[in-house]
Amino acid sequence: MKIYLDTSVYNRPFDDQAQPRIWMEAVAFSMILQLVETEKVELVTSSIIAFENSKNPFPQRRKWVDSCLKLSKHTLVLNAAIRKRGRELEKQGIKPLDALHLSCAESRKIDYFLTCDDRVVKRYEGKAMVVCNPVEFMLKVTEEENQWT
């Protein structure tokens, strides 16, 4: 199973953990990293994430995200086809960088695109992959695992 995490997921541990939703998404992200490290899921990243992370004004966060990105076995590089699909996704009301993330993920036939941005979840109309937040993903994975045991 291939997954793609947008920048909001990688940065979730640095957000206000006093808010229950944010705390749950941070915990889910931690569990996802365990799945990646044990090779139960395959993490795919992109040059878009690297670019976005390079603009992060907080050095500690930037370093953390860089270390997470190293867990990926595949880094997608922006090309003309990805840019074209990104422009199509923008027509669904998706912000340009988010559209490029989605387009990259579609190009690699990702199974799950994870984001903490509700707007992306609601506006993505593609059928190529499941777009959900980290908590929903962990609930689905746990449910699927329990069906086989």
C-alpha atoms as a PDB file:
ATOM      1  CA  MET A   1       0.000   0.000   0.000  1.00  0.00           C
ATOM      2  CA  LYS A   2       1.431   3.361  -1.067  1.00  0.00           C
ATOM      3  CA  ILE A   3       0.755   6.551   0.879  1.00  0.00           C
ATOM      4  CA  TYR A   4       1.566  10.210   0.317  1.00  0.00           C
ATOM      5  CA  LEU A   5       1.500  12.710   3.181  1.00  0.00           C
ATOM      6  CA  ASP A   6       1.155  16.393   2.503  1.00  0.00           C
ATOM      7  CA  THR A   7       3.076  18.989   4.487  1.00  0.00           C
ATOM      8  CA  SER A   8       0.272  19.516   6.995  1.00  0.00           C
ATOM      9  CA  VAL A   9       0.719  15.958   8.269  1.00  0.00           C
ATOM     10  CA  TYR A  10       4.490  16.224   8.672  1.00  0.00           C
ATOM     11  CA  ASN A  11       4.091  19.432  10.667  1.00  0.00           C
ATOM     12  CA  ARG A  12       1.181  18.260  12.847  1.00  0.00           C
ATOM     13  CA  PRO A  13       3.394  17.371  15.869  1.00  0.00           C
ATOM     14  CA  PHE A  14       4.354  21.071  16.103  1.00  0.00           C
ATOM     15  CA  ASP A  15       0.770  22.350  16.275  1.00  0.00           C
ATOM     16  CA  ASP A  16      -1.181  23.076  19.491  1.00  0.00           C
ATOM     17  CA  GLN A  17      -1.562  19.635  21.084  1.00  0.00           C
ATOM     18  CA  ALA A  18      -4.140  20.965  23.564  1.00  0.00           C
ATOM     19  CA  GLN A  19      -6.742  20.688  20.785  1.00  0.00           C
ATOM     20  CA  PRO A  20      -8.097  17.113  20.691  1.00  0.00           C
ATOM     21  CA  ARG A  21      -8.261  16.817  16.909  1.00  0.00           C
ATOM     22  CA  ILE A  22      -4.701  18.036  16.470  1.00  0.00           C
ATOM     23  CA  TRP A  23      -3.452  15.675  19.169  1.00  0.00           C
ATOM     24  CA  MET A  24      -5.236  12.705  17.556  1.00  0.00           C
ATOM     25  CA  GLU A  25      -3.790  13.559  14.140  1.00  0.00           C
ATOM     26  CA  ALA A  26      -0.298  13.840  15.652  1.00  0.00           C
ATOM     27  CA  VAL A  27      -0.691  10.437  17.321  1.00  0.00           C
ATOM     28  CA  ALA A  28      -1.990   8.947  14.060  1.00  0.00           C
ATOM     29  CA  PHE A  29       1.037  10.401  12.254  1.00  0.00           C
ATOM     30  CA  SER A  30       3.312   8.713  14.783  1.00  0.00           C
ATOM     31  CA  MET A  31       1.568   5.395  14.109  1.00  0.00           C
ATOM     32  CA  ILE A  32       1.906   5.948  10.355  1.00  0.00           C
ATOM     33  CA  LEU A  33       5.655   6.448  10.762  1.00  0.00           C
ATOM     34  CA  GLN A  34       5.772   3.071  12.538  1.00  0.00           C
ATOM     35  CA  LEU A  35       3.949   1.471   9.599  1.00  0.00           C
ATOM     36  CA  VAL A  36       6.490   3.028   7.230  1.00  0.00           C
ATOM     37  CA  GLU A  37       9.478   1.934   9.310  1.00  0.00           C
ATOM     38  CA  THR A  38       8.164  -1.641   9.524  1.00  0.00           C
ATOM     39  CA  GLU A  39       7.444  -1.536   5.768  1.00  0.00           C
ATOM     40  CA  LYS A  40       3.733  -2.241   6.173  1.00  0.00           C
ATOM     41  CA  VAL A  41       3.097   0.820   4.010  1.00  0.00           C
ATOM     42  CA  GLU A  42       5.278   2.505   1.407  1.00  0.00           C
ATOM     43  CA  LEU A  43       5.838   6.232   1.831  1.00  0.00           C
ATOM     44  CA  VAL A  44       6.119   8.301  -1.346  1.00  0.00           C
ATOM     45  CA  THR A  45       7.190  11.956  -1.283  1.00  0.00           C
ATOM     46  CA  SER A  46       7.781  14.629  -3.895  1.00  0.00           C
ATOM     47  CA  SER A  47       9.927  17.573  -4.814  1.00  0.00           C
ATOM     48  CA  ILE A  48       6.880  19.713  -3.917  1.00  0.00           C
ATOM     49  CA  ILE A  49       7.140  18.639  -0.260  1.00  0.00           C
ATOM     50  CA  ALA A  50      10.888  19.298  -0.261  1.00  0.00           C
ATOM     51  CA  PHE A  51      10.287  22.751  -1.766  1.00  0.00           C
ATOM     52  CA  GLU A  52       7.531  23.594   0.719  1.00  0.00           C
ATOM     53  CA  ASN A  53       9.650  22.369   3.631  1.00  0.00           C
ATOM     54  CA  SER A  54      12.633  24.448   2.479  1.00  0.00           C
ATOM     55  CA  LYS A  55      10.440  27.536   2.969  1.00  0.00           C
ATOM     56  CA  ASN A  56       9.588  26.620   6.576  1.00  0.00           C
ATOM     57  CA  PRO A  57      10.899  29.456   8.766  1.00  0.00           C
ATOM     58  CA  PHE A  58      11.485  27.118  11.738  1.00  0.00           C
ATOM     59  CA  PRO A  59      14.817  25.246  11.428  1.00  0.00           C
ATOM     60  CA  GLN A  60      13.862  22.517  13.921  1.00  0.00           C
ATOM     61  CA  ARG A  61      10.657  21.727  12.040  1.00  0.00           C
ATOM     62  CA  ARG A  62      12.486  21.786   8.721  1.00  0.00           C
ATOM     63  CA  LYS A  63      15.060  19.303  10.035  1.00  0.00           C
ATOM     64  CA  TRP A  64      12.304  17.035  11.450  1.00  0.00           C
ATOM     65  CA  VAL A  65      10.413  16.927   8.154  1.00  0.00           C
ATOM     66  CA  ASP A  66      13.653  16.272   6.243  1.00  0.00           C
ATOM     67  CA  SER A  67      14.346  13.279   8.492  1.00  0.00           C
ATOM     68  CA  CYS A  68      10.826  11.947   7.869  1.00  0.00           C
ATOM     69  CA  LEU A  69      11.199  12.374   4.110  1.00  0.00           C
ATOM     70  CA  LYS A  70      14.281  10.136   4.199  1.00  0.00           C
ATOM     71  CA  LEU A  71      11.974   7.234   5.093  1.00  0.00           C
ATOM     72  CA  SER A  72      10.532   7.401   1.588  1.00  0.00           C
ATOM     73  CA  LYS A  73      11.749   5.038  -1.088  1.00  0.00           C
ATOM     74  CA  HIS A  74      10.397   7.219  -3.894  1.00  0.00           C
ATOM     75  CA  THR A  75      10.543  10.967  -4.459  1.00  0.00           C
ATOM     76  CA  LEU A  76       8.416  12.230  -7.332  1.00  0.00           C
ATOM     77  CA  VAL A  77       9.803  15.083  -9.396  1.00  0.00           C
ATOM     78  CA  LEU A  78       7.578  17.755 -10.865  1.00  0.00           C
ATOM     79  CA  ASN A  79       7.090  17.465 -14.630  1.00  0.00           C
ATOM     80  CA  ALA A  80       4.811  18.923 -17.320  1.00  0.00           C
ATOM     81  CA  ALA A  81       2.104  16.253 -16.928  1.00  0.00           C
ATOM     82  CA  ILE A  82       1.960  16.785 -13.146  1.00  0.00           C
ATOM     83  CA  ARG A  83       1.739  20.564 -13.632  1.00  0.00           C
ATOM     84  CA  LYS A  84      -1.082  20.136 -16.181  1.00  0.00           C
ATOM     85  CA  ARG A  85      -3.082  17.866 -13.868  1.00  0.00           C
ATOM     86  CA  GLY A  86      -2.398  20.312 -11.017  1.00  0.00           C
ATOM     87  CA  ARG A  87      -4.030  23.111 -12.999  1.00  0.00           C
ATOM     88  CA  GLU A  88      -7.075  20.880 -13.582  1.00  0.00           C
ATOM     89  CA  LEU A  89      -7.318  20.192  -9.846  1.00  0.00           C
ATOM     90  CA  GLU A  90      -7.141  23.923  -9.106  1.00  0.00           C
ATOM     91  CA  LYS A  91     -10.437  24.251 -10.981  1.00  0.00           C
ATOM     92  CA  GLN A  92     -12.008  22.199  -8.166  1.00  0.00           C
ATOM     93  CA  GLY A  93     -11.117  25.029  -5.779  1.00  0.00           C
ATOM     94  CA  ILE A  94      -7.912  23.414  -4.552  1.00  0.00           C
ATOM     95  CA  LYS A  95      -4.961  25.696  -3.777  1.00  0.00           C
ATOM     96  CA  PRO A  96      -2.019  25.479  -6.228  1.00  0.00           C
ATOM     97  CA  LEU A  97       0.487  23.685  -3.954  1.00  0.00           C
ATOM     98  CA  ASP A  98      -2.179  21.264  -2.733  1.00  0.00           C
ATOM     99  CA  ALA A  99      -3.159  20.597  -6.350  1.00  0.00           C
ATOM    100  CA  LEU A 100       0.465  19.754  -7.169  1.00  0.00           C
ATOM    101  CA  HIS A 101       0.664  17.392  -4.192  1.00  0.00           C
ATOM    102  CA  LEU A 102      -2.493  15.610  -5.364  1.00  0.00           C
ATOM    103  CA  SER A 103      -1.263  15.487  -8.943  1.00  0.00           C
ATOM    104  CA  CYS A 104       2.065  13.986  -7.868  1.00  0.00           C
ATOM    105  CA  ALA A 105       0.279  11.357  -5.818  1.00  0.00           C
ATOM    106  CA  GLU A 106      -2.061  10.480  -8.687  1.00  0.00           C
ATOM    107  CA  SER A 107       0.901  10.118 -11.050  1.00  0.00           C
ATOM    108  CA  ARG A 108       2.419   7.420  -8.804  1.00  0.00           C
ATOM    109  CA  LYS A 109      -0.915   5.628  -8.294  1.00  0.00           C
ATOM    110  CA  ILE A 110      -0.939   6.266  -4.558  1.00  0.00           C
ATOM    111  CA  ASP A 111      -3.564   4.358  -2.555  1.00  0.00           C
ATOM    112  CA  TYR A 112      -4.018   6.963   0.210  1.00  0.00           C
ATOM    113  CA  PHE A 113      -3.294  10.679   0.168  1.00  0.00           C
ATOM    114  CA  LEU A 114      -3.207  11.982   3.753  1.00  0.00           C
ATOM    115  CA  THR A 115      -3.796  15.575   4.770  1.00  0.00           C
ATOM    116  CA  CYS A 116      -4.971  17.517   7.808  1.00  0.00           C
ATOM    117  CA  ASP A 117      -6.636  20.049   5.496  1.00  0.00           C
ATOM    118  CA  ASP A 118     -10.411  19.473   5.421  1.00  0.00           C
ATOM    119  CA  ARG A 119     -10.755  21.612   2.296  1.00  0.00           C
ATOM    120  CA  VAL A 120      -8.541  19.248   0.312  1.00  0.00           C
ATOM    121  CA  VAL A 121     -10.502  16.217   1.545  1.00  0.00           C
ATOM    122  CA  LYS A 122     -13.835  17.809   0.601  1.00  0.00           C
ATOM    123  CA  ARG A 123     -12.815  19.276  -2.758  1.00  0.00           C
ATOM    124  CA  TYR A 124     -10.836  16.447  -4.322  1.00  0.00           C
ATOM    125  CA  GLU A 125     -13.125  14.841  -6.881  1.00  0.00           C
ATOM    126  CA  GLY A 126     -10.688  12.369  -8.380  1.00  0.00           C
ATOM    127  CA  LYS A 127     -11.206   8.637  -8.158  1.00  0.00           C
ATOM    128  CA  ALA A 128      -7.535   7.688  -8.367  1.00  0.00           C
ATOM    129  CA  MET A 129      -6.945   7.444  -4.593  1.00  0.00           C
ATOM    130  CA  VAL A 130      -8.554   7.869  -1.208  1.00  0.00           C
ATOM    131  CA  VAL A 131      -7.994  11.331   0.269  1.00  0.00           C
ATOM    132  CA  CYS A 132      -8.435  11.446   4.042  1.00  0.00           C
ATOM    133  CA  ASN A 133      -6.903  12.675   7.282  1.00  0.00           C
ATOM    134  CA  PRO A 134      -4.372  10.584   9.259  1.00  0.00           C
ATOM    135  CA  VAL A 135      -6.919   9.496  11.896  1.00  0.00           C
ATOM    136  CA  GLU A 136      -9.346   8.194   9.264  1.00  0.00           C
ATOM    137  CA  PHE A 137      -6.481   6.375   7.576  1.00  0.00           C
ATOM    138  CA  MET A 138      -5.416   4.631  10.791  1.00  0.00           C
ATOM    139  CA  LEU A 139      -9.011   3.622  11.507  1.00  0.00           C
ATOM    140  CA  LYS A 140      -9.310   2.106   7.998  1.00  0.00           C
ATOM    141  CA  VAL A 141      -5.981   0.293   8.253  1.00  0.00           C
ATOM    142  CA  THR A 142      -6.829  -1.051  11.704  1.00  0.00           C
ATOM    143  CA  GLU A 143     -10.254  -2.196  10.514  1.00  0.00           C
ATOM    144  CA  GLU A 144      -8.752  -3.953   7.486  1.00  0.00           C
ATOM    145  CA  GLU A 145      -6.120  -5.639   9.662  1.00  0.00           C
ATOM    146  CA  ASN A 146      -8.778  -6.882  12.095  1.00  0.00           C
ATOM    147  CA  GLN A 147     -10.761  -8.460   9.256  1.00  0.00           C
ATOM    148  CA  TRP A 148      -7.848 -10.788   8.487  1.00  0.00           C
ATOM    149  CA  THR A 149      -7.130 -11.915  12.053  1.00  0.00           C
END
